[in-house]
Amino acid sequence: MSEAKPKRIKRQYDEAFRRQAVALVENSGRSLKEIAAELGVTHWNLRDWTKKHGRNQPVPAATPAELQRELVRLRRENQSLQARCDVLKKSLGILAEPSRSASPE
């Protein structure tokens, strides 16, 4: 009869440890395998943590209320910028006109 293999103990890592490991991967420039060996975890764990907590994570979708507030803010900003542009166009037109008091040469 074959002996039963001893059950492998599943190690638990806290969130702070995972985030520090991901920061180490992102900032060190070393390979996952090197860092995983140094930390005593598998490179598969480190890869998964990097996918979950890394910099390239998508930004969560905004709620409809947040989108509406952003739209209102951008419309106000657009009106303000258009008004500034109109003022600059008018002032440029005034400066470009020849002066009537200047003598013709």
PDB file of N, CA and C in Angstrom:
ATOM      1  N   MET A   1       0.827  -1.186   0.000  1.00  0.00           N
ATOM      2  CA  MET A   1       0.000   0.000   0.000  1.00  0.00           C
ATOM      3  C   MET A   1       0.869   1.246   0.000  1.00  0.00           C
ATOM      4  N   SER A   2       0.364   2.280  -0.650  1.00  0.00           N
ATOM      5  CA  SER A   2       1.121   3.524  -0.678  1.00  0.00           C
ATOM      6  C   SER A   2       0.693   4.418   0.477  1.00  0.00           C
ATOM      7  N   GLU A   3       1.659   5.123   0.958  1.00  0.00           N
ATOM      8  CA  GLU A   3       1.370   6.037   2.060  1.00  0.00           C
ATOM      9  C   GLU A   3       0.741   7.303   1.521  1.00  0.00           C
ATOM     10  N   ALA A   4      -0.136   7.864   2.281  1.00  0.00           N
ATOM     11  CA  ALA A   4      -0.782   9.113   1.883  1.00  0.00           C
ATOM     12  C   ALA A   4       0.221  10.250   2.031  1.00  0.00           C
ATOM     13  N   LYS A   5       0.203  11.133   1.047  1.00  0.00           N
ATOM     14  CA  LYS A   5       1.085  12.296   1.114  1.00  0.00           C
ATOM     15  C   LYS A   5       0.607  13.227   2.218  1.00  0.00           C
ATOM     16  N   PRO A   6       1.537  13.819   2.931  1.00  0.00           N
ATOM     17  CA  PRO A   6       1.088  14.785   3.936  1.00  0.00           C
ATOM     18  C   PRO A   6       0.450  15.983   3.232  1.00  0.00           C
ATOM     19  N   LYS A   7      -0.622  16.443   3.781  1.00  0.00           N
ATOM     20  CA  LYS A   7      -1.334  17.571   3.193  1.00  0.00           C
ATOM     21  C   LYS A   7      -0.500  18.837   3.329  1.00  0.00           C
ATOM     22  N   ARG A   8      -0.413  19.557   2.237  1.00  0.00           N
ATOM     23  CA  ARG A   8       0.345  20.795   2.245  1.00  0.00           C
ATOM     24  C   ARG A   8      -0.418  21.879   2.988  1.00  0.00           C
ATOM     25  N   ILE A   9       0.276  22.587   3.822  1.00  0.00           N
ATOM     26  CA  ILE A   9      -0.358  23.665   4.590  1.00  0.00           C
ATOM     27  C   ILE A   9      -0.444  24.902   3.707  1.00  0.00           C
ATOM     28  N   LYS A  10      -1.633  25.438   3.589  1.00  0.00           N
ATOM     29  CA  LYS A  10      -1.842  26.642   2.790  1.00  0.00           C
ATOM     30  C   LYS A  10      -1.510  27.856   3.641  1.00  0.00           C
ATOM     31  N   ARG A  11      -0.549  28.619   3.170  1.00  0.00           N
ATOM     32  CA  ARG A  11      -0.128  29.804   3.917  1.00  0.00           C
ATOM     33  C   ARG A  11      -1.013  30.984   3.558  1.00  0.00           C
ATOM     34  N   GLN A  12      -1.308  31.774   4.551  1.00  0.00           N
ATOM     35  CA  GLN A  12      -2.113  32.978   4.367  1.00  0.00           C
ATOM     36  C   GLN A  12      -1.207  34.198   4.493  1.00  0.00           C
ATOM     37  N   TYR A  13      -1.365  35.137   3.583  1.00  0.00           N
ATOM     38  CA  TYR A  13      -0.575  36.372   3.609  1.00  0.00           C
ATOM     39  C   TYR A  13      -1.529  37.536   3.777  1.00  0.00           C
ATOM     40  N   ASP A  14      -1.180  38.462   4.643  1.00  0.00           N
ATOM     41  CA  ASP A  14      -2.059  39.603   4.857  1.00  0.00           C
ATOM     42  C   ASP A  14      -1.916  40.606   3.713  1.00  0.00           C
ATOM     43  N   GLU A  15      -2.875  41.492   3.643  1.00  0.00           N
ATOM     44  CA  GLU A  15      -2.957  42.476   2.548  1.00  0.00           C
ATOM     45  C   GLU A  15      -1.734  43.388   2.509  1.00  0.00           C
ATOM     46  N   ALA A  16      -1.241  43.804   3.653  1.00  0.00           N
ATOM     47  CA  ALA A  16      -0.081  44.696   3.698  1.00  0.00           C
ATOM     48  C   ALA A  16       1.153  44.012   3.103  1.00  0.00           C
ATOM     49  N   PHE A  17       1.342  42.738   3.423  1.00  0.00           N
ATOM     50  CA  PHE A  17       2.469  41.993   2.874  1.00  0.00           C
ATOM     51  C   PHE A  17       2.369  41.905   1.354  1.00  0.00           C
ATOM     52  N   ARG A  18       1.166  41.635   0.872  1.00  0.00           N
ATOM     53  CA  ARG A  18       0.954  41.524  -0.585  1.00  0.00           C
ATOM     54  C   ARG A  18       1.272  42.842  -1.289  1.00  0.00           C
ATOM     55  N   ARG A  19       0.779  43.930  -0.727  1.00  0.00           N
ATOM     56  CA  ARG A  19       1.017  45.241  -1.357  1.00  0.00           C
ATOM     57  C   ARG A  19       2.495  45.623  -1.324  1.00  0.00           C
ATOM     58  N   GLN A  20       3.181  45.295  -0.237  1.00  0.00           N
ATOM     59  CA  GLN A  20       4.616  45.572  -0.170  1.00  0.00           C
ATOM     60  C   GLN A  20       5.381  44.735  -1.182  1.00  0.00           C
ATOM     61  N   ALA A  21       4.960  43.485  -1.361  1.00  0.00           N
ATOM     62  CA  ALA A  21       5.602  42.619  -2.346  1.00  0.00           C
ATOM     63  C   ALA A  21       5.405  43.170  -3.759  1.00  0.00           C
ATOM     64  N   VAL A  22       4.210  43.636  -4.056  1.00  0.00           N
ATOM     65  CA  VAL A  22       3.925  44.213  -5.377  1.00  0.00           C
ATOM     66  C   VAL A  22       4.754  45.479  -5.581  1.00  0.00           C
ATOM     67  N   ALA A  23       4.861  46.316  -4.550  1.00  0.00           N
ATOM     68  CA  ALA A  23       5.673  47.537  -4.653  1.00  0.00           C
ATOM     69  C   ALA A  23       7.131  47.178  -4.916  1.00  0.00           C
ATOM     70  N   LEU A  24       7.607  46.124  -4.282  1.00  0.00           N
ATOM     71  CA  LEU A  24       8.981  45.681  -4.494  1.00  0.00           C
ATOM     72  C   LEU A  24       9.181  45.235  -5.946  1.00  0.00           C
ATOM     73  N   VAL A  25       8.222  44.507  -6.483  1.00  0.00           N
ATOM     74  CA  VAL A  25       8.307  44.059  -7.884  1.00  0.00           C
ATOM     75  C   VAL A  25       8.334  45.257  -8.821  1.00  0.00           C
ATOM     76  N   GLU A  26       7.456  46.215  -8.582  1.00  0.00           N
ATOM     77  CA  GLU A  26       7.328  47.360  -9.490  1.00  0.00           C
ATOM     78  C   GLU A  26       8.516  48.306  -9.408  1.00  0.00           C
ATOM     79  N   ASN A  27       9.136  48.420  -8.234  1.00  0.00           N
ATOM     80  CA  ASN A  27      10.195  49.409  -8.060  1.00  0.00           C
ATOM     81  C   ASN A  27      11.605  48.859  -8.198  1.00  0.00           C
ATOM     82  N   SER A  28      11.777  47.546  -8.061  1.00  0.00           N
ATOM     83  CA  SER A  28      13.137  47.009  -8.035  1.00  0.00           C
ATOM     84  C   SER A  28      13.696  46.712  -9.427  1.00  0.00           C
ATOM     85  N   GLY A  29      12.849  46.323 -10.365  1.00  0.00           N
ATOM     86  CA  GLY A  29      13.341  45.966 -11.690  1.00  0.00           C
ATOM     87  C   GLY A  29      13.885  44.549 -11.757  1.00  0.00           C
ATOM     88  N   ARG A  30      13.773  43.800 -10.669  1.00  0.00           N
ATOM     89  CA  ARG A  30      14.235  42.417 -10.661  1.00  0.00           C
ATOM     90  C   ARG A  30      13.109  41.497 -11.102  1.00  0.00           C
ATOM     91  N   SER A  31      13.454  40.241 -11.388  1.00  0.00           N
ATOM     92  CA  SER A  31      12.449  39.302 -11.877  1.00  0.00           C
ATOM     93  C   SER A  31      11.550  38.821 -10.746  1.00  0.00           C
ATOM     94  N   LEU A  32      10.370  38.323 -11.148  1.00  0.00           N
ATOM     95  CA  LEU A  32       9.430  37.795 -10.174  1.00  0.00           C
ATOM     96  C   LEU A  32      10.029  36.626  -9.399  1.00  0.00           C
ATOM     97  N   LYS A  33      10.751  35.760 -10.107  1.00  0.00           N
ATOM     98  CA  LYS A  33      11.317  34.584  -9.448  1.00  0.00           C
ATOM     99  C   LYS A  33      12.314  34.972  -8.363  1.00  0.00           C
ATOM    100  N   GLU A  34      13.144  35.960  -8.636  1.00  0.00           N
ATOM    101  CA  GLU A  34      14.125  36.408  -7.642  1.00  0.00           C
ATOM    102  C   GLU A  34      13.433  36.945  -6.395  1.00  0.00           C
ATOM    103  N   ILE A  35      12.462  37.803  -6.610  1.00  0.00           N
ATOM    104  CA  ILE A  35      11.775  38.424  -5.481  1.00  0.00           C
ATOM    105  C   ILE A  35      10.949  37.384  -4.723  1.00  0.00           C
ATOM    106  N   ALA A  36      10.305  36.480  -5.457  1.00  0.00           N
ATOM    107  CA  ALA A  36       9.505  35.440  -4.810  1.00  0.00           C
ATOM    108  C   ALA A  36      10.380  34.555  -3.925  1.00  0.00           C
ATOM    109  N   ALA A  37      11.571  34.180  -4.416  1.00  0.00           N
ATOM    110  CA  ALA A  37      12.485  33.360  -3.613  1.00  0.00           C
ATOM    111  C   ALA A  37      12.935  34.123  -2.368  1.00  0.00           C
ATOM    112  N   GLU A  38      13.183  35.409  -2.539  1.00  0.00           N
ATOM    113  CA  GLU A  38      13.614  36.234  -1.409  1.00  0.00           C
ATOM    114  C   GLU A  38      12.524  36.338  -0.339  1.00  0.00           C
ATOM    115  N   LEU A  39      11.271  36.429  -0.783  1.00  0.00           N
ATOM    116  CA  LEU A  39      10.160  36.594   0.156  1.00  0.00           C
ATOM    117  C   LEU A  39       9.618  35.263   0.676  1.00  0.00           C
ATOM    118  N   GLY A  40       9.986  34.173   0.021  1.00  0.00           N
ATOM    119  CA  GLY A  40       9.490  32.869   0.448  1.00  0.00           C
ATOM    120  C   GLY A  40       8.094  32.552  -0.037  1.00  0.00           C
ATOM    121  N   VAL A  41       7.723  33.087  -1.192  1.00  0.00           N
ATOM    122  CA  VAL A  41       6.428  32.801  -1.805  1.00  0.00           C
ATOM    123  C   VAL A  41       6.684  32.256  -3.194  1.00  0.00           C
ATOM    124  N   THR A  42       5.654  31.712  -3.827  1.00  0.00           N
ATOM    125  CA  THR A  42       5.829  31.233  -5.192  1.00  0.00           C
ATOM    126  C   THR A  42       5.722  32.402  -6.158  1.00  0.00           C
ATOM    127  N   HIS A  43       6.353  32.235  -7.315  1.00  0.00           N
ATOM    128  CA  HIS A  43       6.264  33.323  -8.294  1.00  0.00           C
ATOM    129  C   HIS A  43       4.840  33.437  -8.831  1.00  0.00           C
ATOM    130  N   TRP A  44       4.054  32.355  -8.723  1.00  0.00           N
ATOM    131  CA  TRP A  44       2.659  32.414  -9.159  1.00  0.00           C
ATOM    132  C   TRP A  44       1.855  33.318  -8.236  1.00  0.00           C
ATOM    133  N   ASN A  45       2.101  33.202  -6.917  1.00  0.00           N
ATOM    134  CA  ASN A  45       1.433  34.104  -5.973  1.00  0.00           C
ATOM    135  C   ASN A  45       1.776  35.556  -6.286  1.00  0.00           C
ATOM    136  N   LEU A  46       3.048  35.801  -6.472  1.00  0.00           N
ATOM    137  CA  LEU A  46       3.507  37.161  -6.719  1.00  0.00           C
ATOM    138  C   LEU A  46       2.930  37.718  -8.019  1.00  0.00           C
ATOM    139  N   ARG A  47       2.839  36.874  -9.034  1.00  0.00           N
ATOM    140  CA  ARG A  47       2.254  37.301 -10.310  1.00  0.00           C
ATOM    141  C   ARG A  47       0.788  37.676 -10.124  1.00  0.00           C
ATOM    142  N   ASP A  48       0.041  36.844  -9.401  1.00  0.00           N
ATOM    143  CA  ASP A  48      -1.376  37.126  -9.174  1.00  0.00           C
ATOM    144  C   ASP A  48      -1.576  38.400  -8.357  1.00  0.00           C
ATOM    145  N   TRP A  49      -0.728  38.590  -7.342  1.00  0.00           N
ATOM    146  CA  TRP A  49      -0.831  39.805  -6.533  1.00  0.00           C
ATOM    147  C   TRP A  49      -0.529  41.037  -7.366  1.00  0.00           C
ATOM    148  N   THR A  50       0.443  40.919  -8.269  1.00  0.00           N
ATOM    149  CA  THR A  50       0.797  42.050  -9.123  1.00  0.00           C
ATOM    150  C   THR A  50      -0.365  42.397 -10.049  1.00  0.00           C
ATOM    151  N   LYS A  51      -1.047  41.377 -10.556  1.00  0.00           N
ATOM    152  CA  LYS A  51      -2.208  41.641 -11.410  1.00  0.00           C
ATOM    153  C   LYS A  51      -3.327  42.317 -10.625  1.00  0.00           C
ATOM    154  N   LYS A  52      -3.496  41.892  -9.381  1.00  0.00           N
ATOM    155  CA  LYS A  52      -4.594  42.411  -8.572  1.00  0.00           C
ATOM    156  C   LYS A  52      -4.303  43.794  -7.994  1.00  0.00           C
ATOM    157  N   HIS A  53      -3.078  44.009  -7.525  1.00  0.00           N
ATOM    158  CA  HIS A  53      -2.760  45.244  -6.802  1.00  0.00           C
ATOM    159  C   HIS A  53      -1.799  46.165  -7.543  1.00  0.00           C
ATOM    160  N   GLY A  54      -1.416  45.830  -8.756  1.00  0.00           N
ATOM    161  CA  GLY A  54      -0.422  46.610  -9.480  1.00  0.00           C
ATOM    162  C   GLY A  54      -0.933  47.951  -9.943  1.00  0.00           C
ATOM    163  N   ARG A  55      -0.026  48.724 -10.504  1.00  0.00           N
ATOM    164  CA  ARG A  55      -0.349  50.090 -10.964  1.00  0.00           C
ATOM    165  C   ARG A  55      -1.300  50.098 -12.145  1.00  0.00           C
ATOM    166  N   ASN A  56      -1.250  49.107 -12.973  1.00  0.00           N
ATOM    167  CA  ASN A  56      -2.008  49.113 -14.221  1.00  0.00           C
ATOM    168  C   ASN A  56      -3.428  48.603 -14.059  1.00  0.00           C
ATOM    169  N   GLN A  57      -4.001  48.809 -12.897  1.00  0.00           N
ATOM    170  CA  GLN A  57      -5.357  48.369 -12.667  1.00  0.00           C
ATOM    171  C   GLN A  57      -6.327  49.382 -13.246  1.00  0.00           C
ATOM    172  N   PRO A  58      -7.435  48.914 -13.822  1.00  0.00           N
ATOM    173  CA  PRO A  58      -8.409  49.852 -14.369  1.00  0.00           C
ATOM    174  C   PRO A  58      -9.059  50.682 -13.267  1.00  0.00           C
ATOM    175  N   VAL A  59      -9.399  51.886 -13.613  1.00  0.00           N
ATOM    176  CA  VAL A  59     -10.053  52.782 -12.668  1.00  0.00           C
ATOM    177  C   VAL A  59     -11.508  52.339 -12.530  1.00  0.00           C
ATOM    178  N   PRO A  60     -12.031  52.249 -11.315  1.00  0.00           N
ATOM    179  CA  PRO A  60     -13.417  51.823 -11.162  1.00  0.00           C
ATOM    180  C   PRO A  60     -14.368  52.796 -11.848  1.00  0.00           C
ATOM    181  N   ALA A  61     -15.445  52.265 -12.379  1.00  0.00           N
ATOM    182  CA  ALA A  61     -16.416  53.081 -13.104  1.00  0.00           C
ATOM    183  C   ALA A  61     -17.096  54.056 -12.153  1.00  0.00           C
ATOM    184  N   ALA A  62     -17.340  55.247 -12.654  1.00  0.00           N
ATOM    185  CA  ALA A  62     -17.981  56.276 -11.855  1.00  0.00           C
ATOM    186  C   ALA A  62     -19.490  56.040 -11.821  1.00  0.00           C
ATOM    187  N   THR A  63     -20.123  56.517 -10.779  1.00  0.00           N
ATOM    188  CA  THR A  63     -21.574  56.400 -10.670  1.00  0.00           C
ATOM    189  C   THR A  63     -22.222  57.442 -11.586  1.00  0.00           C
ATOM    190  N   PRO A  64     -23.478  57.237 -11.935  1.00  0.00           N
ATOM    191  CA  PRO A  64     -24.155  58.227 -12.792  1.00  0.00           C
ATOM    192  C   PRO A  64     -24.174  59.630 -12.178  1.00  0.00           C
ATOM    193  N   ALA A  65     -24.302  59.715 -10.864  1.00  0.00           N
ATOM    194  CA  ALA A  65     -24.310  61.034 -10.213  1.00  0.00           C
ATOM    195  C   ALA A  65     -22.953  61.713 -10.367  1.00  0.00           C
ATOM    196  N   GLU A  66     -21.863  60.946 -10.213  1.00  0.00           N
ATOM    197  CA  GLU A  66     -20.522  61.511 -10.383  1.00  0.00           C
ATOM    198  C   GLU A  66     -20.308  61.952 -11.822  1.00  0.00           C
ATOM    199  N   LEU A  67     -20.787  61.154 -12.758  1.00  0.00           N
ATOM    200  CA  LEU A  67     -20.651  61.523 -14.171  1.00  0.00           C
ATOM    201  C   LEU A  67     -21.421  62.808 -14.479  1.00  0.00           C
ATOM    202  N   GLN A  68     -22.616  62.954 -13.901  1.00  0.00           N
ATOM    203  CA  GLN A  68     -23.411  64.154 -14.128  1.00  0.00           C
ATOM    204  C   GLN A  68     -22.708  65.391 -13.567  1.00  0.00           C
ATOM    205  N   ARG A  69     -22.139  65.278 -12.353  1.00  0.00           N
ATOM    206  CA  ARG A  69     -21.410  66.409 -11.766  1.00  0.00           C
ATOM    207  C   ARG A  69     -20.199  66.781 -12.625  1.00  0.00           C
ATOM    208  N   GLU A  70     -19.497  65.781 -13.117  1.00  0.00           N
ATOM    209  CA  GLU A  70     -18.332  66.037 -13.965  1.00  0.00           C
ATOM    210  C   GLU A  70     -18.753  66.717 -15.265  1.00  0.00           C
ATOM    211  N   LEU A  71     -19.864  66.281 -15.839  1.00  0.00           N
ATOM    212  CA  LEU A  71     -20.370  66.888 -17.067  1.00  0.00           C
ATOM    213  C   LEU A  71     -20.721  68.356 -16.847  1.00  0.00           C
ATOM    214  N   VAL A  72     -21.396  68.659 -15.751  1.00  0.00           N
ATOM    215  CA  VAL A  72     -21.752  70.051 -15.433  1.00  0.00           C
ATOM    216  C   VAL A  72     -20.492  70.886 -15.262  1.00  0.00           C
ATOM    217  N   ARG A  73     -19.512  70.357 -14.534  1.00  0.00           N
ATOM    218  CA  ARG A  73     -18.256  71.086 -14.312  1.00  0.00           C
ATOM    219  C   ARG A  73     -17.539  71.352 -15.627  1.00  0.00           C
ATOM    220  N   LEU A  74     -17.489  70.354 -16.495  1.00  0.00           N
ATOM    221  CA  LEU A  74     -16.800  70.526 -17.776  1.00  0.00           C
ATOM    222  C   LEU A  74     -17.526  71.513 -18.691  1.00  0.00           C
ATOM    223  N   ARG A  75     -18.847  71.520 -18.641  1.00  0.00           N
ATOM    224  CA  ARG A  75     -19.597  72.485 -19.462  1.00  0.00           C
ATOM    225  C   ARG A  75     -19.325  73.916 -18.995  1.00  0.00           C
ATOM    226  N   ARG A  76     -19.293  74.115 -17.663  1.00  0.00           N
ATOM    227  CA  ARG A  76     -18.965  75.454 -17.142  1.00  0.00           C
ATOM    228  C   ARG A  76     -17.571  75.872 -17.559  1.00  0.00           C
ATOM    229  N   GLU A  77     -16.634  74.950 -17.431  1.00  0.00           N
ATOM    230  CA  GLU A  77     -15.254  75.253 -17.812  1.00  0.00           C
ATOM    231  C   GLU A  77     -15.167  75.571 -19.301  1.00  0.00           C
ATOM    232  N   ASN A  78     -15.911  74.851 -20.118  1.00  0.00           N
ATOM    233  CA  ASN A  78     -15.912  75.091 -21.560  1.00  0.00           C
ATOM    234  C   ASN A  78     -16.450  76.489 -21.874  1.00  0.00           C
ATOM    235  N   GLN A  79     -17.527  76.885 -21.208  1.00  0.00           N
ATOM    236  CA  GLN A  79     -18.075  78.231 -21.422  1.00  0.00           C
ATOM    237  C   GLN A  79     -17.066  79.302 -21.025  1.00  0.00           C
ATOM    238  N   SER A  80     -16.397  79.090 -19.916  1.00  0.00           N
ATOM    239  CA  SER A  80     -15.405  80.052 -19.454  1.00  0.00           C
ATOM    240  C   SER A  80     -14.262  80.174 -20.458  1.00  0.00           C
ATOM    241  N   LEU A  81     -13.802  79.068 -20.956  1.00  0.00           N
ATOM    242  CA  LEU A  81     -12.699  79.097 -21.929  1.00  0.00           C
ATOM    243  C   LEU A  81     -13.133  79.726 -23.252  1.00  0.00           C
ATOM    244  N   GLN A  82     -14.369  79.469 -23.657  1.00  0.00           N
ATOM    245  CA  GLN A  82     -14.856  80.102 -24.887  1.00  0.00           C
ATOM    246  C   GLN A  82     -14.955  81.606 -24.719  1.00  0.00           C
ATOM    247  N   ALA A  83     -15.394  82.065 -23.556  1.00  0.00           N
ATOM    248  CA  ALA A  83     -15.475  83.506 -23.293  1.00  0.00           C
ATOM    249  C   ALA A  83     -14.089  84.130 -23.337  1.00  0.00           C
ATOM    250  N   ARG A  84     -13.102  83.481 -22.750  1.00  0.00           N
ATOM    251  CA  ARG A  84     -11.727  83.987 -22.794  1.00  0.00           C
ATOM    252  C   ARG A  84     -11.220  84.068 -24.229  1.00  0.00           C
ATOM    253  N   CYS A  85     -11.532  83.034 -24.992  1.00  0.00           N
ATOM    254  CA  CYS A  85     -11.087  82.999 -26.395  1.00  0.00           C
ATOM    255  C   CYS A  85     -11.722  84.152 -27.180  1.00  0.00           C
ATOM    256  N   ASP A  86     -13.020  84.417 -26.934  1.00  0.00           N
ATOM    257  CA  ASP A  86     -13.705  85.514 -27.626  1.00  0.00           C
ATOM    258  C   ASP A  86     -13.085  86.855 -27.271  1.00  0.00           C
ATOM    259  N   VAL A  87     -12.749  87.045 -25.998  1.00  0.00           N
ATOM    260  CA  VAL A  87     -12.116  88.292 -25.568  1.00  0.00           C
ATOM    261  C   VAL A  87     -10.777  88.469 -26.277  1.00  0.00           C
ATOM    262  N   LEU A  88     -10.000  87.400 -26.346  1.00  0.00           N
ATOM    263  CA  LEU A  88      -8.700  87.493 -27.019  1.00  0.00           C
ATOM    264  C   LEU A  88      -8.853  87.795 -28.509  1.00  0.00           C
ATOM    265  N   LYS A  89      -9.857  87.198 -29.144  1.00  0.00           N
ATOM    266  CA  LYS A  89     -10.089  87.466 -30.567  1.00  0.00           C
ATOM    267  C   LYS A  89     -10.458  88.934 -30.790  1.00  0.00           C
ATOM    268  N   LYS A  90     -11.320  89.466 -29.926  1.00  0.00           N
ATOM    269  CA  LYS A  90     -11.730  90.862 -30.055  1.00  0.00           C
ATOM    270  C   LYS A  90     -10.560  91.804 -29.828  1.00  0.00           C
ATOM    271  N   SER A  91      -9.745  91.501 -28.817  1.00  0.00           N
ATOM    272  CA  SER A  91      -8.603  92.376 -28.538  1.00  0.00           C
ATOM    273  C   SER A  91      -7.586  92.304 -29.664  1.00  0.00           C
ATOM    274  N   LEU A  92      -7.425  91.159 -30.263  1.00  0.00           N
ATOM    275  CA  LEU A  92      -6.510  91.035 -31.393  1.00  0.00           C
ATOM    276  C   LEU A  92      -7.028  91.834 -32.588  1.00  0.00           C
ATOM    277  N   GLY A  93      -8.346  91.803 -32.784  1.00  0.00           N
ATOM    278  CA  GLY A  93      -8.940  92.583 -33.871  1.00  0.00           C
ATOM    279  C   GLY A  93      -8.752  94.074 -33.665  1.00  0.00           C
ATOM    280  N   ILE A  94      -8.882  94.531 -32.434  1.00  0.00           N
ATOM    281  CA  ILE A  94      -8.699  95.959 -32.125  1.00  0.00           C
ATOM    282  C   ILE A  94      -7.251  96.357 -32.351  1.00  0.00           C
ATOM    283  N   LEU A  95      -6.321  95.534 -31.910  1.00  0.00           N
ATOM    284  CA  LEU A  95      -4.912  95.858 -32.062  1.00  0.00           C
ATOM    285  C   LEU A  95      -4.458  95.786 -33.519  1.00  0.00           C
ATOM    286  N   ALA A  96      -5.124  94.965 -34.330  1.00  0.00           N
ATOM    287  CA  ALA A  96      -4.710  94.804 -35.722  1.00  0.00           C
ATOM    288  C   ALA A  96      -5.233  95.937 -36.613  1.00  0.00           C
ATOM    289  N   GLU A  97      -6.268  96.654 -36.180  1.00  0.00           N
ATOM    290  CA  GLU A  97      -6.803  97.745 -36.992  1.00  0.00           C
ATOM    291  C   GLU A  97      -5.812  98.893 -37.028  1.00  0.00           C
ATOM    292  N   PRO A  98      -5.638  99.521 -38.193  1.00  0.00           N
ATOM    293  CA  PRO A  98      -4.721 100.670 -38.266  1.00  0.00           C
ATOM    294  C   PRO A  98      -5.322 101.860 -37.487  1.00  0.00           C
ATOM    295  N   SER A  99      -4.477 102.599 -36.871  1.00  0.00           N
ATOM    296  CA  SER A  99      -4.898 103.733 -36.076  1.00  0.00           C
ATOM    297  C   SER A  99      -5.370 104.840 -36.998  1.00  0.00           C
ATOM    298  N   ARG A 100      -6.472 105.527 -36.681  1.00  0.00           N
ATOM    299  CA  ARG A 100      -7.017 106.592 -37.525  1.00  0.00           C
ATOM    300  C   ARG A 100      -6.246 107.889 -37.341  1.00  0.00           C
ATOM    301  N   SER A 101      -5.589 108.032 -36.215  1.00  0.00           N
ATOM    302  CA  SER A 101      -4.870 109.268 -35.964  1.00  0.00           C
ATOM    303  C   SER A 101      -3.466 109.246 -36.584  1.00  0.00           C
ATOM    304  N   ALA A 102      -3.052 108.104 -37.044  1.00  0.00           N
ATOM    305  CA  ALA A 102      -1.705 108.000 -37.626  1.00  0.00           C
ATOM    306  C   ALA A 102      -1.717 108.641 -39.013  1.00  0.00           C
ATOM    307  N   SER A 103      -0.633 109.308 -39.340  1.00  0.00           N
ATOM    308  CA  SER A 103      -0.576 109.973 -40.648  1.00  0.00           C
ATOM    309  C   SER A 103      -0.178 108.954 -41.718  1.00  0.00           C
ATOM    310  N   PRO A 104      -0.813 109.045 -42.894  1.00  0.00           N
ATOM    311  CA  PRO A 104      -0.464 108.119 -43.982  1.00  0.00           C
ATOM    312  C   PRO A 104       0.874 108.511 -44.580  1.00  0.00           C
ATOM    313  N   GLU A 105       1.672 107.522 -44.845  1.00  0.00           N
ATOM    314  CA  GLU A 105       2.970 107.806 -45.441  1.00  0.00           C
ATOM    315  C   GLU A 105       3.076 107.268 -46.816  1.00  0.00           C
TER     316      GLU A 105
END
